[in-house]
N, C-alpha and C. Protein backbone atom coordinates (compact mmCIF):
# COMPACT_ATOMS: atom_id res chain seq x y z
N MET A 1 -53.18 -22.87 32.24
CA MET A 1 -52.85 -22.35 30.94
C MET A 1 -51.69 -21.38 31.09
N SER A 2 -50.75 -21.55 30.24
CA SER A 2 -49.59 -20.65 30.33
C SER A 2 -49.50 -19.83 29.06
N LEU A 3 -49.08 -18.64 29.25
CA LEU A 3 -48.97 -17.71 28.13
C LEU A 3 -47.49 -17.45 27.88
N SER A 4 -47.07 -17.75 26.70
CA SER A 4 -45.67 -17.50 26.35
C SER A 4 -45.62 -16.39 25.32
N ILE A 5 -44.75 -15.47 25.58
CA ILE A 5 -44.56 -14.37 24.64
C ILE A 5 -43.13 -14.46 24.12
N PHE A 6 -43.05 -14.56 22.84
CA PHE A 6 -41.73 -14.61 22.21
C PHE A 6 -41.43 -13.27 21.57
N SER A 7 -40.29 -12.77 21.85
CA SER A 7 -39.90 -11.53 21.20
C SER A 7 -38.66 -11.79 20.36
N SER A 8 -38.52 -11.01 19.40
CA SER A 8 -37.37 -11.16 18.50
C SER A 8 -36.12 -10.63 19.17
N CYS A 9 -35.05 -11.36 19.01
CA CYS A 9 -33.76 -10.93 19.54
C CYS A 9 -32.94 -10.24 18.47
N LYS A 10 -33.58 -9.94 17.37
CA LYS A 10 -32.84 -9.37 16.25
C LYS A 10 -32.09 -8.10 16.64
N ASP A 11 -32.74 -7.18 17.32
CA ASP A 11 -32.06 -5.95 17.70
C ASP A 11 -30.89 -6.23 18.62
N PHE A 12 -31.06 -7.18 19.50
CA PHE A 12 -30.00 -7.50 20.46
C PHE A 12 -28.81 -8.15 19.76
N LEU A 13 -29.09 -9.04 18.83
CA LEU A 13 -28.02 -9.77 18.16
C LEU A 13 -27.47 -9.05 16.93
N ASP A 14 -28.18 -8.09 16.42
CA ASP A 14 -27.76 -7.35 15.24
C ASP A 14 -26.86 -6.20 15.66
N THR A 15 -25.62 -6.53 16.00
CA THR A 15 -24.70 -5.52 16.50
C THR A 15 -23.54 -5.33 15.53
N LYS A 16 -22.87 -4.25 15.70
CA LYS A 16 -21.68 -3.95 14.91
C LYS A 16 -20.48 -4.03 15.85
N PRO A 17 -19.35 -4.37 15.32
CA PRO A 17 -18.17 -4.38 16.21
C PRO A 17 -17.81 -2.94 16.60
N TYR A 18 -17.72 -2.72 17.89
CA TYR A 18 -17.42 -1.37 18.36
C TYR A 18 -15.93 -1.09 18.44
N ASP A 19 -15.11 -2.09 18.19
CA ASP A 19 -13.67 -1.89 18.22
C ASP A 19 -13.08 -1.73 16.82
N LYS A 20 -13.91 -1.63 15.81
CA LYS A 20 -13.45 -1.49 14.43
C LYS A 20 -14.07 -0.23 13.81
N ILE A 21 -13.31 0.36 12.91
CA ILE A 21 -13.82 1.50 12.15
C ILE A 21 -14.05 1.02 10.73
N THR A 22 -15.23 1.23 10.22
CA THR A 22 -15.56 0.76 8.88
C THR A 22 -15.10 1.75 7.82
N GLY A 23 -15.08 1.28 6.58
CA GLY A 23 -14.74 2.16 5.47
C GLY A 23 -15.71 3.31 5.34
N ASP A 24 -17.00 3.02 5.55
CA ASP A 24 -18.00 4.08 5.46
C ASP A 24 -17.73 5.18 6.48
N GLN A 25 -17.32 4.79 7.68
CA GLN A 25 -16.99 5.78 8.70
C GLN A 25 -15.73 6.55 8.33
N THR A 26 -14.73 5.83 7.83
CA THR A 26 -13.45 6.46 7.47
C THR A 26 -13.65 7.53 6.42
N TRP A 27 -14.42 7.23 5.38
CA TRP A 27 -14.56 8.17 4.26
C TRP A 27 -15.68 9.18 4.48
N ALA A 28 -16.25 9.19 5.67
CA ALA A 28 -17.25 10.22 6.02
C ALA A 28 -16.67 11.24 7.00
N SER A 29 -15.44 11.03 7.43
CA SER A 29 -14.84 11.89 8.45
C SER A 29 -13.43 12.31 8.03
N GLU A 30 -13.18 13.61 8.02
CA GLU A 30 -11.83 14.09 7.71
C GLU A 30 -10.83 13.57 8.74
N ASN A 31 -11.22 13.50 10.00
CA ASN A 31 -10.31 13.02 11.04
C ASN A 31 -9.95 11.55 10.84
N LEU A 32 -10.93 10.72 10.53
CA LEU A 32 -10.64 9.30 10.33
C LEU A 32 -9.86 9.06 9.05
N SER A 33 -10.15 9.80 8.00
CA SER A 33 -9.38 9.61 6.77
C SER A 33 -7.95 10.12 6.95
N THR A 34 -7.77 11.15 7.78
CA THR A 34 -6.42 11.62 8.10
C THR A 34 -5.66 10.53 8.85
N ALA A 35 -6.32 9.86 9.77
CA ALA A 35 -5.68 8.75 10.50
C ALA A 35 -5.29 7.63 9.54
N PHE A 36 -6.13 7.37 8.55
CA PHE A 36 -5.84 6.36 7.53
C PHE A 36 -4.56 6.76 6.77
N ILE A 37 -4.47 8.03 6.39
CA ILE A 37 -3.28 8.51 5.66
C ILE A 37 -2.05 8.47 6.57
N PHE A 38 -2.19 8.81 7.84
CA PHE A 38 -1.05 8.75 8.76
C PHE A 38 -0.50 7.34 8.86
N GLN A 39 -1.36 6.34 8.81
CA GLN A 39 -0.87 4.96 8.85
C GLN A 39 -0.10 4.63 7.57
N ILE A 40 -0.52 5.19 6.44
CA ILE A 40 0.24 4.99 5.20
C ILE A 40 1.61 5.63 5.34
N TYR A 41 1.67 6.84 5.90
CA TYR A 41 2.97 7.47 6.16
C TYR A 41 3.84 6.54 6.99
N ALA A 42 3.29 6.02 8.07
CA ALA A 42 4.06 5.16 8.96
C ALA A 42 4.60 3.94 8.21
N ASP A 43 3.76 3.34 7.37
CA ASP A 43 4.20 2.15 6.65
C ASP A 43 5.21 2.47 5.56
N VAL A 44 4.98 3.54 4.81
CA VAL A 44 5.93 3.91 3.75
C VAL A 44 7.27 4.32 4.35
N LEU A 45 7.25 5.14 5.37
CA LEU A 45 8.51 5.63 5.93
C LEU A 45 9.22 4.57 6.76
N ALA A 46 8.49 3.66 7.36
CA ALA A 46 9.14 2.60 8.14
C ALA A 46 9.59 1.46 7.24
N ASN A 47 8.70 0.99 6.41
CA ASN A 47 9.02 -0.16 5.56
C ASN A 47 9.92 0.20 4.40
N ASP A 48 9.80 1.41 3.91
CA ASP A 48 10.54 1.78 2.72
C ASP A 48 11.77 2.64 2.99
N SER A 49 12.06 2.88 4.26
CA SER A 49 13.24 3.72 4.54
C SER A 49 14.50 2.94 4.21
N TRP A 50 15.56 3.65 3.97
CA TRP A 50 16.82 2.99 3.60
C TRP A 50 17.32 2.08 4.71
N LEU A 51 17.22 2.51 5.96
CA LEU A 51 17.70 1.68 7.05
C LEU A 51 16.81 0.47 7.28
N ALA A 52 15.51 0.62 7.08
CA ALA A 52 14.61 -0.51 7.26
C ALA A 52 14.87 -1.59 6.22
N SER A 53 15.51 -1.21 5.12
CA SER A 53 15.79 -2.19 4.07
C SER A 53 16.63 -3.35 4.57
N TYR A 54 17.44 -3.11 5.56
CA TYR A 54 18.31 -4.16 6.07
C TYR A 54 18.06 -4.47 7.54
N ALA A 55 16.94 -4.01 8.06
CA ALA A 55 16.68 -4.12 9.49
C ALA A 55 16.17 -5.49 9.91
N THR A 56 15.60 -6.24 9.01
CA THR A 56 15.07 -7.54 9.38
C THR A 56 15.88 -8.64 8.71
N PRO A 57 15.95 -9.79 9.34
CA PRO A 57 16.81 -10.85 8.81
C PRO A 57 16.39 -11.35 7.43
N ASN A 58 15.11 -11.26 7.10
CA ASN A 58 14.65 -11.76 5.80
C ASN A 58 14.17 -10.64 4.91
N SER A 59 14.77 -9.49 5.03
CA SER A 59 14.32 -8.34 4.27
C SER A 59 14.41 -8.60 2.77
N ALA A 60 13.31 -8.34 2.09
CA ALA A 60 13.27 -8.54 0.64
C ALA A 60 14.05 -7.47 -0.09
N ARG A 61 14.46 -6.44 0.63
CA ARG A 61 15.16 -5.35 -0.04
C ARG A 61 16.68 -5.46 0.14
N SER A 62 17.15 -6.54 0.66
CA SER A 62 18.59 -6.73 0.76
C SER A 62 19.05 -7.59 -0.41
N GLU A 63 20.27 -7.43 -0.79
CA GLU A 63 20.79 -8.11 -1.98
C GLU A 63 20.67 -9.63 -1.87
N SER A 64 20.68 -10.15 -0.66
CA SER A 64 20.71 -11.60 -0.51
C SER A 64 19.40 -12.29 -0.88
N VAL A 65 18.35 -11.57 -1.15
CA VAL A 65 17.12 -12.23 -1.59
C VAL A 65 16.83 -11.95 -3.06
N THR A 66 17.81 -11.49 -3.77
CA THR A 66 17.66 -11.33 -5.21
C THR A 66 18.35 -12.50 -5.90
N LYS A 67 18.22 -12.59 -7.20
CA LYS A 67 18.86 -13.69 -7.92
C LYS A 67 20.37 -13.50 -8.02
N ASN A 68 20.89 -12.37 -7.51
CA ASN A 68 22.33 -12.16 -7.49
C ASN A 68 22.94 -12.65 -6.19
N ALA A 69 22.14 -13.30 -5.37
CA ALA A 69 22.59 -13.69 -4.02
C ALA A 69 23.77 -14.64 -4.07
N MET A 70 24.62 -14.50 -3.10
CA MET A 70 25.76 -15.39 -2.92
C MET A 70 25.63 -16.01 -1.54
N THR A 71 26.14 -17.20 -1.34
CA THR A 71 26.08 -17.86 -0.05
C THR A 71 26.76 -17.00 1.01
N GLY A 72 26.10 -16.87 2.16
CA GLY A 72 26.70 -16.17 3.28
C GLY A 72 26.54 -14.67 3.26
N THR A 73 25.66 -14.13 2.42
CA THR A 73 25.47 -12.69 2.41
C THR A 73 24.55 -12.27 3.55
N LEU A 74 23.98 -11.11 3.47
CA LEU A 74 23.29 -10.47 4.58
C LEU A 74 22.34 -11.34 5.38
N ASN A 75 21.61 -12.23 4.75
CA ASN A 75 20.60 -12.99 5.47
C ASN A 75 21.09 -14.32 6.01
N GLY A 76 22.34 -14.60 5.91
CA GLY A 76 22.88 -15.82 6.49
C GLY A 76 23.32 -16.81 5.44
N ALA A 77 24.02 -17.83 5.92
CA ALA A 77 24.63 -18.80 5.02
C ALA A 77 23.61 -19.72 4.35
N PHE A 78 22.38 -19.78 4.86
CA PHE A 78 21.39 -20.69 4.28
C PHE A 78 20.92 -20.25 2.91
N TRP A 79 21.14 -18.98 2.55
CA TRP A 79 20.63 -18.48 1.28
C TRP A 79 21.70 -18.61 0.21
N SER A 80 21.30 -18.98 -0.97
CA SER A 80 22.26 -19.12 -2.07
C SER A 80 21.60 -18.74 -3.38
N LYS A 81 22.42 -18.58 -4.39
CA LYS A 81 21.89 -18.28 -5.71
C LYS A 81 20.99 -19.41 -6.19
N ASP A 82 21.35 -20.66 -5.88
CA ASP A 82 20.52 -21.80 -6.27
C ASP A 82 19.14 -21.71 -5.63
N ARG A 83 19.09 -21.34 -4.38
CA ARG A 83 17.81 -21.21 -3.68
C ARG A 83 16.98 -20.08 -4.29
N ALA A 84 17.65 -18.99 -4.67
CA ALA A 84 16.95 -17.87 -5.29
C ALA A 84 16.31 -18.28 -6.61
N GLU A 85 16.92 -19.23 -7.31
CA GLU A 85 16.37 -19.70 -8.59
C GLU A 85 15.03 -20.41 -8.41
N LEU A 86 14.71 -20.83 -7.19
CA LEU A 86 13.45 -21.52 -6.93
C LEU A 86 12.26 -20.56 -6.87
N MET A 87 12.53 -19.25 -6.85
CA MET A 87 11.44 -18.28 -6.81
C MET A 87 10.58 -18.43 -8.06
N THR A 88 9.29 -18.30 -7.88
CA THR A 88 8.37 -18.40 -9.01
C THR A 88 7.65 -17.07 -9.18
N LYS A 89 6.86 -16.97 -10.23
CA LYS A 89 6.09 -15.76 -10.47
C LYS A 89 5.04 -15.53 -9.39
N ASN A 90 4.72 -16.55 -8.59
CA ASN A 90 3.72 -16.42 -7.54
C ASN A 90 4.30 -15.93 -6.22
N ASP A 91 5.62 -15.89 -6.11
CA ASP A 91 6.25 -15.45 -4.87
C ASP A 91 6.27 -13.93 -4.80
N ASP A 92 6.08 -13.40 -3.61
CA ASP A 92 6.16 -11.95 -3.40
C ASP A 92 7.33 -11.70 -2.45
N TYR A 93 8.44 -11.39 -3.01
CA TYR A 93 9.64 -11.16 -2.21
C TYR A 93 9.98 -9.68 -2.15
N GLY A 94 8.96 -8.85 -2.01
CA GLY A 94 9.22 -7.45 -1.79
C GLY A 94 9.22 -6.59 -3.03
N TRP A 95 8.67 -7.08 -4.10
CA TRP A 95 8.60 -6.32 -5.35
C TRP A 95 7.41 -5.38 -5.25
N LEU A 96 7.59 -4.21 -4.77
CA LEU A 96 6.55 -3.26 -4.41
C LEU A 96 5.72 -3.82 -3.25
N ASN A 97 5.10 -2.94 -2.51
CA ASN A 97 4.19 -3.37 -1.46
C ASN A 97 2.79 -3.05 -1.97
N TYR A 98 2.14 -4.06 -2.51
CA TYR A 98 0.84 -3.86 -3.15
C TYR A 98 -0.23 -3.46 -2.14
N ASN A 99 -0.07 -3.86 -0.90
CA ASN A 99 -0.99 -3.46 0.16
C ASN A 99 -0.95 -1.95 0.34
N ILE A 100 0.24 -1.39 0.39
CA ILE A 100 0.37 0.06 0.53
C ILE A 100 -0.22 0.77 -0.69
N LEU A 101 0.08 0.26 -1.88
CA LEU A 101 -0.48 0.88 -3.09
C LEU A 101 -2.00 0.81 -3.08
N TRP A 102 -2.56 -0.31 -2.67
CA TRP A 102 -4.02 -0.43 -2.62
C TRP A 102 -4.60 0.61 -1.66
N ARG A 103 -3.97 0.78 -0.49
CA ARG A 103 -4.48 1.76 0.47
C ARG A 103 -4.36 3.19 -0.06
N ILE A 104 -3.26 3.50 -0.74
CA ILE A 104 -3.10 4.83 -1.33
C ILE A 104 -4.20 5.07 -2.36
N HIS A 105 -4.42 4.12 -3.24
CA HIS A 105 -5.43 4.29 -4.30
C HIS A 105 -6.85 4.30 -3.74
N THR A 106 -7.10 3.51 -2.72
CA THR A 106 -8.41 3.54 -2.06
C THR A 106 -8.67 4.90 -1.45
N ALA A 107 -7.66 5.44 -0.78
CA ALA A 107 -7.81 6.77 -0.17
C ALA A 107 -8.03 7.83 -1.25
N MET A 108 -7.24 7.78 -2.32
CA MET A 108 -7.41 8.75 -3.41
C MET A 108 -8.84 8.71 -3.95
N LYS A 109 -9.32 7.51 -4.25
CA LYS A 109 -10.65 7.35 -4.85
C LYS A 109 -11.73 7.87 -3.90
N ASN A 110 -11.67 7.49 -2.64
CA ASN A 110 -12.72 7.86 -1.70
C ASN A 110 -12.67 9.33 -1.30
N ILE A 111 -11.49 9.89 -1.19
CA ILE A 111 -11.39 11.32 -0.85
C ILE A 111 -11.91 12.17 -2.00
N GLN A 112 -11.53 11.82 -3.22
CA GLN A 112 -12.03 12.57 -4.38
C GLN A 112 -13.55 12.48 -4.49
N ALA A 113 -14.12 11.34 -4.16
CA ALA A 113 -15.57 11.13 -4.32
C ALA A 113 -16.40 11.68 -3.16
N SER A 114 -15.75 12.03 -2.07
CA SER A 114 -16.50 12.43 -0.87
C SER A 114 -17.18 13.78 -1.02
N ALA A 115 -18.44 13.82 -0.62
CA ALA A 115 -19.17 15.09 -0.57
C ALA A 115 -19.02 15.73 0.80
N ASN A 116 -18.45 15.00 1.75
CA ASN A 116 -18.31 15.49 3.13
C ASN A 116 -17.05 16.32 3.35
N PHE A 117 -16.06 16.15 2.49
CA PHE A 117 -14.77 16.79 2.73
C PHE A 117 -14.70 18.15 2.05
N SER A 118 -14.01 19.08 2.71
CA SER A 118 -13.81 20.39 2.12
C SER A 118 -12.82 20.27 0.95
N GLU A 119 -12.88 21.21 0.05
CA GLU A 119 -11.95 21.20 -1.09
C GLU A 119 -10.51 21.35 -0.63
N ASP A 120 -10.27 22.17 0.40
CA ASP A 120 -8.91 22.31 0.93
C ASP A 120 -8.39 20.98 1.46
N TYR A 121 -9.25 20.27 2.18
CA TYR A 121 -8.85 18.97 2.72
C TYR A 121 -8.55 17.98 1.59
N LYS A 122 -9.42 17.95 0.59
CA LYS A 122 -9.20 17.04 -0.54
C LYS A 122 -7.87 17.34 -1.22
N LYS A 123 -7.62 18.61 -1.46
CA LYS A 123 -6.40 19.01 -2.17
C LYS A 123 -5.15 18.61 -1.37
N ARG A 124 -5.16 18.93 -0.09
CA ARG A 124 -4.00 18.61 0.75
C ARG A 124 -3.80 17.09 0.86
N SER A 125 -4.88 16.37 1.10
CA SER A 125 -4.78 14.92 1.26
C SER A 125 -4.30 14.24 -0.02
N LEU A 126 -4.82 14.67 -1.15
CA LEU A 126 -4.38 14.09 -2.41
C LEU A 126 -2.91 14.39 -2.67
N GLY A 127 -2.48 15.59 -2.32
CA GLY A 127 -1.06 15.92 -2.44
C GLY A 127 -0.19 14.99 -1.61
N GLU A 128 -0.63 14.72 -0.40
CA GLU A 128 0.13 13.81 0.47
C GLU A 128 0.15 12.40 -0.13
N LEU A 129 -0.97 11.96 -0.66
CA LEU A 129 -1.04 10.61 -1.22
C LEU A 129 -0.18 10.47 -2.48
N TYR A 130 -0.16 11.50 -3.34
CA TYR A 130 0.73 11.46 -4.50
C TYR A 130 2.20 11.41 -4.05
N PHE A 131 2.52 12.18 -3.02
CA PHE A 131 3.89 12.16 -2.48
C PHE A 131 4.23 10.77 -1.94
N LEU A 132 3.32 10.17 -1.19
CA LEU A 132 3.57 8.84 -0.62
C LEU A 132 3.75 7.79 -1.71
N ARG A 133 2.94 7.88 -2.76
CA ARG A 133 3.08 6.91 -3.85
C ARG A 133 4.42 7.11 -4.56
N ALA A 134 4.81 8.36 -4.78
CA ALA A 134 6.11 8.63 -5.41
C ALA A 134 7.25 8.12 -4.55
N THR A 135 7.16 8.33 -3.25
CA THR A 135 8.20 7.86 -2.33
C THR A 135 8.30 6.34 -2.37
N HIS A 136 7.16 5.69 -2.32
CA HIS A 136 7.12 4.23 -2.37
C HIS A 136 7.77 3.72 -3.64
N TYR A 137 7.39 4.28 -4.78
CA TYR A 137 7.97 3.85 -6.05
C TYR A 137 9.46 4.16 -6.14
N PHE A 138 9.87 5.30 -5.61
CA PHE A 138 11.28 5.68 -5.68
C PHE A 138 12.17 4.67 -4.98
N VAL A 139 11.79 4.27 -3.78
CA VAL A 139 12.60 3.31 -3.03
C VAL A 139 12.77 2.01 -3.81
N TYR A 140 11.68 1.52 -4.37
CA TYR A 140 11.75 0.26 -5.09
C TYR A 140 12.43 0.41 -6.45
N ALA A 141 12.29 1.55 -7.09
CA ALA A 141 12.97 1.78 -8.36
C ALA A 141 14.48 1.80 -8.15
N LYS A 142 14.92 2.38 -7.04
CA LYS A 142 16.36 2.39 -6.73
C LYS A 142 16.88 0.96 -6.54
N LEU A 143 16.04 0.09 -6.04
CA LEU A 143 16.46 -1.28 -5.78
C LEU A 143 16.32 -2.19 -6.99
N PHE A 144 15.24 -2.04 -7.74
CA PHE A 144 14.92 -3.02 -8.76
C PHE A 144 14.86 -2.46 -10.18
N GLY A 145 14.96 -1.15 -10.36
CA GLY A 145 14.84 -0.58 -11.71
C GLY A 145 13.39 -0.36 -12.07
N GLY A 146 13.03 -0.67 -13.31
CA GLY A 146 11.66 -0.47 -13.78
C GLY A 146 10.67 -1.34 -13.01
N LEU A 147 9.50 -0.78 -12.74
CA LEU A 147 8.49 -1.46 -11.93
C LEU A 147 7.16 -1.53 -12.67
N GLN A 148 6.23 -2.26 -12.12
CA GLN A 148 4.86 -2.25 -12.62
C GLN A 148 4.24 -0.91 -12.22
N ILE A 149 3.68 -0.21 -13.17
CA ILE A 149 3.03 1.06 -12.88
C ILE A 149 1.55 0.78 -12.57
N ILE A 150 1.18 1.00 -11.33
CA ILE A 150 -0.21 0.83 -10.90
C ILE A 150 -0.67 2.20 -10.42
N ASP A 151 -1.62 2.79 -11.14
CA ASP A 151 -2.02 4.16 -10.85
C ASP A 151 -3.47 4.30 -10.40
N LYS A 152 -4.08 3.18 -10.02
CA LYS A 152 -5.47 3.21 -9.56
C LYS A 152 -5.74 1.97 -8.73
N GLU A 153 -6.86 1.99 -8.05
CA GLU A 153 -7.31 0.81 -7.31
C GLU A 153 -7.74 -0.23 -8.32
N LEU A 154 -7.17 -1.40 -8.24
CA LEU A 154 -7.49 -2.46 -9.20
C LEU A 154 -8.67 -3.29 -8.72
N SER A 155 -9.42 -3.80 -9.66
CA SER A 155 -10.53 -4.70 -9.35
C SER A 155 -10.28 -6.02 -10.06
N LEU A 156 -11.11 -7.00 -9.77
CA LEU A 156 -10.95 -8.30 -10.42
C LEU A 156 -11.24 -8.23 -11.92
N GLU A 157 -11.95 -7.20 -12.34
CA GLU A 157 -12.25 -7.04 -13.77
C GLU A 157 -11.06 -6.47 -14.54
N ASP A 158 -10.11 -5.85 -13.84
CA ASP A 158 -8.94 -5.28 -14.50
C ASP A 158 -7.98 -6.39 -14.93
N ASN A 159 -7.20 -6.10 -15.95
CA ASN A 159 -6.14 -7.01 -16.35
C ASN A 159 -5.03 -6.91 -15.31
N LEU A 160 -4.83 -7.97 -14.56
CA LEU A 160 -3.84 -7.95 -13.49
C LEU A 160 -2.46 -8.40 -13.96
N GLN A 161 -2.33 -8.69 -15.24
CA GLN A 161 -1.03 -9.04 -15.81
C GLN A 161 -0.35 -7.74 -16.25
N ILE A 162 0.14 -7.00 -15.29
CA ILE A 162 0.71 -5.68 -15.55
C ILE A 162 2.20 -5.85 -15.86
N PRO A 163 2.62 -5.44 -17.04
CA PRO A 163 4.03 -5.62 -17.39
C PRO A 163 4.93 -4.65 -16.62
N ARG A 164 6.18 -5.02 -16.54
CA ARG A 164 7.18 -4.17 -15.91
C ARG A 164 7.51 -3.02 -16.86
N ALA A 165 7.47 -1.80 -16.34
CA ALA A 165 7.81 -0.62 -17.14
C ALA A 165 9.33 -0.46 -17.18
N SER A 166 9.80 0.34 -18.10
CA SER A 166 11.23 0.64 -18.16
C SER A 166 11.61 1.53 -16.97
N ILE A 167 12.88 1.66 -16.73
CA ILE A 167 13.33 2.53 -15.64
C ILE A 167 12.93 3.98 -15.93
N LYS A 168 13.01 4.39 -17.20
CA LYS A 168 12.61 5.76 -17.56
C LYS A 168 11.13 5.98 -17.30
N GLU A 169 10.30 5.03 -17.72
CA GLU A 169 8.86 5.15 -17.48
C GLU A 169 8.54 5.18 -15.98
N THR A 170 9.28 4.40 -15.22
CA THR A 170 9.08 4.38 -13.76
C THR A 170 9.43 5.73 -13.15
N TYR A 171 10.58 6.28 -13.53
CA TYR A 171 10.96 7.59 -12.97
C TYR A 171 10.07 8.71 -13.50
N ASP A 172 9.60 8.60 -14.72
CA ASP A 172 8.63 9.58 -15.22
C ASP A 172 7.35 9.54 -14.39
N PHE A 173 6.91 8.35 -14.01
CA PHE A 173 5.73 8.19 -13.15
C PHE A 173 5.97 8.84 -11.78
N ILE A 174 7.13 8.61 -11.23
CA ILE A 174 7.49 9.20 -9.94
C ILE A 174 7.49 10.73 -10.04
N ILE A 175 8.12 11.26 -11.07
CA ILE A 175 8.19 12.72 -11.26
C ILE A 175 6.79 13.30 -11.45
N SER A 176 5.95 12.60 -12.21
CA SER A 176 4.58 13.06 -12.42
C SER A 176 3.83 13.12 -11.08
N ASP A 177 4.00 12.11 -10.24
CA ASP A 177 3.35 12.12 -8.92
C ASP A 177 3.86 13.28 -8.07
N LEU A 178 5.15 13.54 -8.12
CA LEU A 178 5.71 14.65 -7.33
C LEU A 178 5.19 15.99 -7.85
N GLU A 179 5.06 16.12 -9.16
CA GLU A 179 4.49 17.36 -9.72
C GLU A 179 3.04 17.53 -9.30
N GLN A 180 2.27 16.44 -9.31
CA GLN A 180 0.87 16.52 -8.85
C GLN A 180 0.81 16.87 -7.37
N ALA A 181 1.71 16.30 -6.59
CA ALA A 181 1.75 16.62 -5.15
C ALA A 181 2.06 18.08 -4.93
N SER A 182 3.02 18.62 -5.71
CA SER A 182 3.39 20.03 -5.52
C SER A 182 2.28 20.96 -5.97
N ASN A 183 1.47 20.54 -6.93
CA ASN A 183 0.34 21.37 -7.38
C ASN A 183 -0.77 21.43 -6.33
N CYS A 184 -0.76 20.49 -5.41
CA CYS A 184 -1.80 20.44 -4.38
C CYS A 184 -1.45 21.29 -3.17
N VAL A 185 -0.26 21.79 -3.11
CA VAL A 185 0.17 22.55 -1.92
C VAL A 185 -0.32 23.98 -2.01
């Protein structure tokens, strides 16, 4: 007669990835949320800097990927005004970086809602995030004029058909963010 004992492997197999930091961890720690904001700085200042605008061969911020493109401009002879006309409403050729905006708004929402963060930390971090959003919008407003104003984290329930604002409305939004950032200092 043999006796077999089966034990559950649930504890052994129920593991978390140790090489990843979760959102719950990020928004429970001032240090981790600061690291999250530092990455936004890196992306805004690297991707949105004036020199980075022309640093890559297919940069969406160079004139050759707009509908004003002429054959043989910055991105090479393969690009033409005719090719630019093939762009559709589904193409993302650098009209704002929605990933950066989503991260800014996610950080704003979670930092404001956190019970773990000190008020000084919240104030400083929100000031930095308003500054980063203003910087991001400023670079694109200089390139494209009026932009879509996105001032919160969007969900699938939101109307995602956001119209383009006027240049004045865009700069008013930028100025408002800078004023909010300065009030946090």
